[in-house]
Amino acid sequence: MLGKLVYIIFVFGVLYACDAIAPVGIIEASNPNLKLDNGILLYKKVPFTGHLQTYYVDKNLKSDIEYVEGKKEGYEKHWFKNGSISMERYYIKGLKSGIHKAWWNDTVLKFEYHFNEKGEYHGMVKEWYKTKQLYRDFNYLNGKEVGRQRLWKLNGTIKANYEVVHGERFGLIGLKKCYTVTTNSDEVK
């Protein structure tokens, strides 16, 4: 009998200690016990482990983000009101990793970013206008631009078109024109 009592006390002690170290479960983002402190999500002053969720008024899931020890770890997903996916991202120890995507609506892609395990852009980085027209087509290697980089205006004309070779840009980099405004005059030069 004494052995069984010791075992029960031990089990409850372990469960209580684990809960004090890292609460696990599903928490709604509006929970007043949540606090972001220096990039760490805390629940009741303890780094949060579990799923952070938000809901639409009709109680359908709006977002679900996985956390481990207060940092994003695993997937982050967001949905439109109709239930289709609006964004998906992946994290390792709080750093962006893998392929991140978002959509303007059910079918039109908004962006696709590729990251390495250090949270740096690595591979293609593309963005689109709502019209499905490509806005940005960049390439990265471990967080640094490499190769051909292009930007387009909404009307389809090229805004930037350059090549990055050994860290140097060659071509049209898309900088804005500089204007001189003189005081006491309406003239712009």
C-alpha atoms as a PDB file:
ATOM      1  CA  MET A   1       0.000   0.000   0.000  1.00  0.00           C
ATOM      2  CA  LEU A   2       2.811   2.409   0.896  1.00  0.00           C
ATOM      3  CA  GLY A   3       4.535   1.627  -2.419  1.00  0.00           C
ATOM      4  CA  LYS A   4       1.383   2.464  -4.357  1.00  0.00           C
ATOM      5  CA  LEU A   5       0.987   5.778  -2.475  1.00  0.00           C
ATOM      6  CA  VAL A   6       4.604   6.722  -3.189  1.00  0.00           C
ATOM      7  CA  TYR A   7       4.069   5.878  -6.878  1.00  0.00           C
ATOM      8  CA  ILE A   8       0.924   8.063  -7.080  1.00  0.00           C
ATOM      9  CA  ILE A   9       2.695  10.975  -5.376  1.00  0.00           C
ATOM     10  CA  PHE A  10       5.648  10.522  -7.731  1.00  0.00           C
ATOM     11  CA  VAL A  11       3.402  10.561 -10.844  1.00  0.00           C
ATOM     12  CA  PHE A  12       1.541  13.686  -9.695  1.00  0.00           C
ATOM     13  CA  GLY A  13       4.859  15.339  -8.853  1.00  0.00           C
ATOM     14  CA  VAL A  14       6.225  14.638 -12.336  1.00  0.00           C
ATOM     15  CA  LEU A  15       3.042  15.883 -14.000  1.00  0.00           C
ATOM     16  CA  TYR A  16       3.046  19.052 -11.899  1.00  0.00           C
ATOM     17  CA  ALA A  17       6.759  19.682 -12.559  1.00  0.00           C
ATOM     18  CA  CYS A  18       6.327  19.187 -16.314  1.00  0.00           C
ATOM     19  CA  ASP A  19       3.405  21.609 -16.329  1.00  0.00           C
ATOM     20  CA  ALA A  20       5.519  24.207 -14.498  1.00  0.00           C
ATOM     21  CA  ILE A  21       8.352  23.831 -17.013  1.00  0.00           C
ATOM     22  CA  ALA A  22       6.372  23.924 -20.246  1.00  0.00           C
ATOM     23  CA  PRO A  23       2.594  23.958 -20.417  1.00  0.00           C
ATOM     24  CA  VAL A  24       1.371  21.815 -23.289  1.00  0.00           C
ATOM     25  CA  GLY A  25      -1.927  22.170 -25.034  1.00  0.00           C
ATOM     26  CA  ILE A  26      -4.045  24.485 -27.115  1.00  0.00           C
ATOM     27  CA  ILE A  27      -4.323  28.098 -26.031  1.00  0.00           C
ATOM     28  CA  GLU A  28      -6.377  30.809 -27.697  1.00  0.00           C
ATOM     29  CA  ALA A  29      -4.236  33.820 -28.678  1.00  0.00           C
ATOM     30  CA  SER A  30      -6.566  36.166 -26.769  1.00  0.00           C
ATOM     31  CA  ASN A  31      -5.743  34.419 -23.463  1.00  0.00           C
ATOM     32  CA  PRO A  32      -4.718  37.139 -20.956  1.00  0.00           C
ATOM     33  CA  ASN A  33      -2.049  34.842 -19.456  1.00  0.00           C
ATOM     34  CA  LEU A  34       0.017  35.057 -22.670  1.00  0.00           C
ATOM     35  CA  LYS A  35       2.840  37.562 -22.907  1.00  0.00           C
ATOM     36  CA  LEU A  36       5.593  38.040 -25.481  1.00  0.00           C
ATOM     37  CA  ASP A  37       8.837  38.827 -23.674  1.00  0.00           C
ATOM     38  CA  ASN A  38      11.982  39.457 -25.698  1.00  0.00           C
ATOM     39  CA  GLY A  39      10.823  37.143 -28.502  1.00  0.00           C
ATOM     40  CA  ILE A  40       9.705  34.344 -26.142  1.00  0.00           C
ATOM     41  CA  LEU A  41       5.995  33.590 -25.775  1.00  0.00           C
ATOM     42  CA  LEU A  42       5.163  33.079 -22.111  1.00  0.00           C
ATOM     43  CA  TYR A  43       2.064  31.487 -20.635  1.00  0.00           C
ATOM     44  CA  LYS A  44       1.665  32.277 -16.937  1.00  0.00           C
ATOM     45  CA  LYS A  45       5.296  33.524 -16.959  1.00  0.00           C
ATOM     46  CA  VAL A  46       6.601  30.182 -18.323  1.00  0.00           C
ATOM     47  CA  PRO A  47       7.814  29.628 -21.941  1.00  0.00           C
ATOM     48  CA  PHE A  48       4.815  28.242 -23.819  1.00  0.00           C
ATOM     49  CA  THR A  49       4.787  24.817 -25.476  1.00  0.00           C
ATOM     50  CA  GLY A  50       1.730  23.882 -27.478  1.00  0.00           C
ATOM     51  CA  HIS A  51      -0.588  25.307 -30.120  1.00  0.00           C
ATOM     52  CA  LEU A  52      -1.548  28.977 -30.223  1.00  0.00           C
ATOM     53  CA  GLN A  53      -4.843  29.359 -32.073  1.00  0.00           C
ATOM     54  CA  THR A  54      -7.220  32.076 -33.241  1.00  0.00           C
ATOM     55  CA  TYR A  55     -10.795  31.670 -34.431  1.00  0.00           C
ATOM     56  CA  TYR A  56     -13.262  33.519 -36.624  1.00  0.00           C
ATOM     57  CA  VAL A  57     -16.499  34.799 -35.065  1.00  0.00           C
ATOM     58  CA  ASP A  58     -18.268  31.661 -36.358  1.00  0.00           C
ATOM     59  CA  LYS A  59     -15.726  29.586 -34.334  1.00  0.00           C
ATOM     60  CA  ASN A  60     -13.907  28.251 -37.438  1.00  0.00           C
ATOM     61  CA  LEU A  61     -10.136  28.017 -37.052  1.00  0.00           C
ATOM     62  CA  LYS A  62      -8.296  31.126 -38.320  1.00  0.00           C
ATOM     63  CA  SER A  63      -4.699  30.249 -37.344  1.00  0.00           C
ATOM     64  CA  ASP A  64      -2.679  27.536 -35.616  1.00  0.00           C
ATOM     65  CA  ILE A  65       0.949  28.055 -34.593  1.00  0.00           C
ATOM     66  CA  GLU A  66       3.145  25.455 -32.874  1.00  0.00           C
ATOM     67  CA  TYR A  67       5.465  26.578 -30.058  1.00  0.00           C
ATOM     68  CA  VAL A  68       8.175  24.805 -28.072  1.00  0.00           C
ATOM     69  CA  GLU A  69       9.727  26.543 -25.065  1.00  0.00           C
ATOM     70  CA  GLY A  70       8.279  29.895 -26.162  1.00  0.00           C
ATOM     71  CA  LYS A  71       9.554  29.831 -29.759  1.00  0.00           C
ATOM     72  CA  LYS A  72       7.797  28.889 -32.964  1.00  0.00           C
ATOM     73  CA  GLU A  73       8.665  25.283 -33.759  1.00  0.00           C
ATOM     74  CA  GLY A  74       6.944  23.371 -36.511  1.00  0.00           C
ATOM     75  CA  TYR A  75       4.177  24.781 -38.622  1.00  0.00           C
ATOM     76  CA  GLU A  76       2.252  28.034 -38.646  1.00  0.00           C
ATOM     77  CA  LYS A  77      -0.958  27.927 -40.663  1.00  0.00           C
ATOM     78  CA  HIS A  78      -3.667  30.478 -41.397  1.00  0.00           C
ATOM     79  CA  TRP A  79      -7.006  29.914 -43.118  1.00  0.00           C
ATOM     80  CA  PHE A  80      -9.536  32.059 -44.956  1.00  0.00           C
ATOM     81  CA  LYS A  81     -13.100  32.215 -43.594  1.00  0.00           C
ATOM     82  CA  ASN A  82     -14.137  29.572 -46.146  1.00  0.00           C
ATOM     83  CA  GLY A  83     -11.625  27.109 -44.649  1.00  0.00           C
ATOM     84  CA  SER A  84      -9.034  27.145 -47.435  1.00  0.00           C
ATOM     85  CA  ILE A  85      -5.399  27.749 -46.507  1.00  0.00           C
ATOM     86  CA  SER A  86      -4.199  31.380 -46.665  1.00  0.00           C
ATOM     87  CA  MET A  87      -0.637  30.947 -45.357  1.00  0.00           C
ATOM     88  CA  GLU A  88       1.750  28.193 -44.302  1.00  0.00           C
ATOM     89  CA  ARG A  89       5.169  28.633 -42.742  1.00  0.00           C
ATOM     90  CA  TYR A  90       7.612  26.354 -40.960  1.00  0.00           C
ATOM     91  CA  TYR A  91      10.014  27.123 -38.087  1.00  0.00           C
ATOM     92  CA  ILE A  92      12.909  25.445 -36.324  1.00  0.00           C
ATOM     93  CA  LYS A  93      13.778  26.871 -32.881  1.00  0.00           C
ATOM     94  CA  GLY A  94      12.055  30.142 -33.755  1.00  0.00           C
ATOM     95  CA  LEU A  95      13.795  30.560 -37.112  1.00  0.00           C
ATOM     96  CA  LYS A  96      12.046  30.497 -40.461  1.00  0.00           C
ATOM     97  CA  SER A  97      12.865  27.318 -42.350  1.00  0.00           C
ATOM     98  CA  GLY A  98      11.796  25.514 -45.509  1.00  0.00           C
ATOM     99  CA  ILE A  99       9.181  26.891 -47.896  1.00  0.00           C
ATOM    100  CA  HIS A 100       6.772  29.627 -46.809  1.00  0.00           C
ATOM    101  CA  LYS A 101       3.679  30.320 -48.909  1.00  0.00           C
ATOM    102  CA  ALA A 102       0.654  32.618 -48.815  1.00  0.00           C
ATOM    103  CA  TRP A 103      -2.319  33.123 -51.101  1.00  0.00           C
ATOM    104  CA  TRP A 104      -4.416  36.153 -52.055  1.00  0.00           C
ATOM    105  CA  ASN A 105      -7.455  33.862 -52.247  1.00  0.00           C
ATOM    106  CA  ASP A 106      -8.160  30.165 -52.737  1.00  0.00           C
ATOM    107  CA  THR A 107      -6.050  29.883 -55.890  1.00  0.00           C
ATOM    108  CA  VAL A 108      -3.850  32.971 -56.399  1.00  0.00           C
ATOM    109  CA  LEU A 109      -0.389  32.690 -54.833  1.00  0.00           C
ATOM    110  CA  LYS A 110       0.819  35.801 -52.949  1.00  0.00           C
ATOM    111  CA  PHE A 111       4.386  34.715 -52.129  1.00  0.00           C
ATOM    112  CA  GLU A 112       6.749  31.770 -51.963  1.00  0.00           C
ATOM    113  CA  TYR A 113       9.932  32.147 -49.906  1.00  0.00           C
ATOM    114  CA  HIS A 114      12.648  29.554 -49.347  1.00  0.00           C
ATOM    115  CA  PHE A 115      14.741  29.563 -46.141  1.00  0.00           C
ATOM    116  CA  ASN A 116      17.696  27.582 -44.844  1.00  0.00           C
ATOM    117  CA  GLU A 117      17.897  26.210 -41.268  1.00  0.00           C
ATOM    118  CA  LYS A 118      19.445  29.510 -40.087  1.00  0.00           C
ATOM    119  CA  GLY A 119      16.356  31.509 -41.055  1.00  0.00           C
ATOM    120  CA  GLU A 120      18.051  33.098 -44.080  1.00  0.00           C
ATOM    121  CA  TYR A 121      16.601  33.346 -47.568  1.00  0.00           C
ATOM    122  CA  HIS A 122      18.019  30.426 -49.521  1.00  0.00           C
ATOM    123  CA  GLY A 123      16.767  29.751 -53.032  1.00  0.00           C
ATOM    124  CA  MET A 124      13.982  31.549 -54.813  1.00  0.00           C
ATOM    125  CA  VAL A 125      11.922  34.372 -53.355  1.00  0.00           C
ATOM    126  CA  LYS A 126       8.827  35.170 -55.412  1.00  0.00           C
ATOM    127  CA  GLU A 127       5.869  37.487 -54.911  1.00  0.00           C
ATOM    128  CA  TRP A 128       2.781  38.081 -57.053  1.00  0.00           C
ATOM    129  CA  TYR A 129       0.178  40.816 -57.412  1.00  0.00           C
ATOM    130  CA  LYS A 130      -3.484  39.887 -56.830  1.00  0.00           C
ATOM    131  CA  THR A 131      -3.784  39.786 -60.625  1.00  0.00           C
ATOM    132  CA  LYS A 132      -1.441  36.712 -60.678  1.00  0.00           C
ATOM    133  CA  GLN A 133       1.243  38.871 -62.323  1.00  0.00           C
ATOM    134  CA  LEU A 134       4.747  38.317 -60.961  1.00  0.00           C
ATOM    135  CA  TYR A 135       5.979  41.219 -58.816  1.00  0.00           C
ATOM    136  CA  ARG A 136       9.323  39.904 -57.511  1.00  0.00           C
ATOM    137  CA  ASP A 137      11.657  37.117 -58.621  1.00  0.00           C
ATOM    138  CA  PHE A 138      14.852  37.058 -56.552  1.00  0.00           C
ATOM    139  CA  ASN A 139      17.457  34.382 -55.794  1.00  0.00           C
ATOM    140  CA  TYR A 140      19.452  33.901 -52.606  1.00  0.00           C
ATOM    141  CA  LEU A 141      22.257  31.761 -51.252  1.00  0.00           C
ATOM    142  CA  ASN A 142      22.518  31.684 -47.445  1.00  0.00           C
ATOM    143  CA  GLY A 143      20.851  35.077 -47.050  1.00  0.00           C
ATOM    144  CA  LYS A 144      22.718  36.884 -49.824  1.00  0.00           C
ATOM    145  CA  GLU A 145      21.414  37.848 -53.250  1.00  0.00           C
ATOM    146  CA  VAL A 146      22.952  35.789 -56.058  1.00  0.00           C
ATOM    147  CA  GLY A 147      22.274  35.672 -59.781  1.00  0.00           C
ATOM    148  CA  ARG A 148      19.366  37.348 -61.540  1.00  0.00           C
ATOM    149  CA  GLN A 149      16.994  39.603 -59.579  1.00  0.00           C
ATOM    150  CA  ARG A 150      13.847  41.155 -61.095  1.00  0.00           C
ATOM    151  CA  LEU A 151      10.946  43.410 -60.021  1.00  0.00           C
ATOM    152  CA  TRP A 152       7.896  44.457 -62.051  1.00  0.00           C
ATOM    153  CA  LYS A 153       5.416  47.302 -61.723  1.00  0.00           C
ATOM    154  CA  LEU A 154       1.702  46.508 -61.643  1.00  0.00           C
ATOM    155  CA  ASN A 155       1.399  47.539 -65.294  1.00  0.00           C
ATOM    156  CA  GLY A 156       3.949  44.843 -66.252  1.00  0.00           C
ATOM    157  CA  THR A 157       6.910  47.116 -66.956  1.00  0.00           C
ATOM    158  CA  ILE A 158      10.229  46.168 -65.429  1.00  0.00           C
ATOM    159  CA  LYS A 159      11.203  48.103 -62.281  1.00  0.00           C
ATOM    160  CA  ALA A 160      14.501  46.324 -61.550  1.00  0.00           C
ATOM    161  CA  ASN A 161      16.537  43.830 -63.543  1.00  0.00           C
ATOM    162  CA  TYR A 162      20.029  43.125 -62.341  1.00  0.00           C
ATOM    163  CA  GLU A 163      22.559  40.377 -61.793  1.00  0.00           C
ATOM    164  CA  VAL A 164      24.465  39.850 -58.538  1.00  0.00           C
ATOM    165  CA  VAL A 165      27.977  38.519 -59.080  1.00  0.00           C
ATOM    166  CA  HIS A 166      30.315  38.120 -56.080  1.00  0.00           C
ATOM    167  CA  GLY A 167      28.092  40.453 -54.050  1.00  0.00           C
ATOM    168  CA  GLU A 168      28.032  43.255 -56.646  1.00  0.00           C
ATOM    169  CA  ARG A 169      24.938  44.351 -58.539  1.00  0.00           C
ATOM    170  CA  PHE A 170      25.072  44.911 -62.286  1.00  0.00           C
ATOM    171  CA  GLY A 171      22.115  46.333 -64.190  1.00  0.00           C
ATOM    172  CA  LEU A 172      18.937  48.260 -63.428  1.00  0.00           C
ATOM    173  CA  ILE A 173      18.556  48.133 -59.644  1.00  0.00           C
ATOM    174  CA  GLY A 174      15.272  50.076 -59.498  1.00  0.00           C
ATOM    175  CA  LEU A 175      16.278  53.016 -57.336  1.00  0.00           C
ATOM    176  CA  LYS A 176      13.925  55.975 -57.137  1.00  0.00           C
ATOM    177  CA  LYS A 177      14.868  59.196 -58.890  1.00  0.00           C
ATOM    178  CA  CYS A 178      16.145  61.938 -56.619  1.00  0.00           C
ATOM    179  CA  TYR A 179      14.540  65.366 -56.801  1.00  0.00           C
ATOM    180  CA  THR A 180      15.731  68.694 -55.467  1.00  0.00           C
ATOM    181  CA  VAL A 181      13.186  70.933 -53.806  1.00  0.00           C
ATOM    182  CA  THR A 182      14.247  74.524 -53.223  1.00  0.00           C
ATOM    183  CA  THR A 183      12.855  76.512 -50.332  1.00  0.00           C
ATOM    184  CA  ASN A 184      10.676  79.568 -51.038  1.00  0.00           C
ATOM    185  CA  SER A 185       9.800  78.116 -54.417  1.00  0.00           C
ATOM    186  CA  ASP A 186       7.322  75.699 -55.916  1.00  0.00           C
ATOM    187  CA  GLU A 187       9.925  74.501 -58.406  1.00  0.00           C
ATOM    188  CA  VAL A 188      11.084  70.886 -58.370  1.00  0.00           C
ATOM    189  CA  LYS A 189      14.360  70.056 -60.157  1.00  0.00           C
END
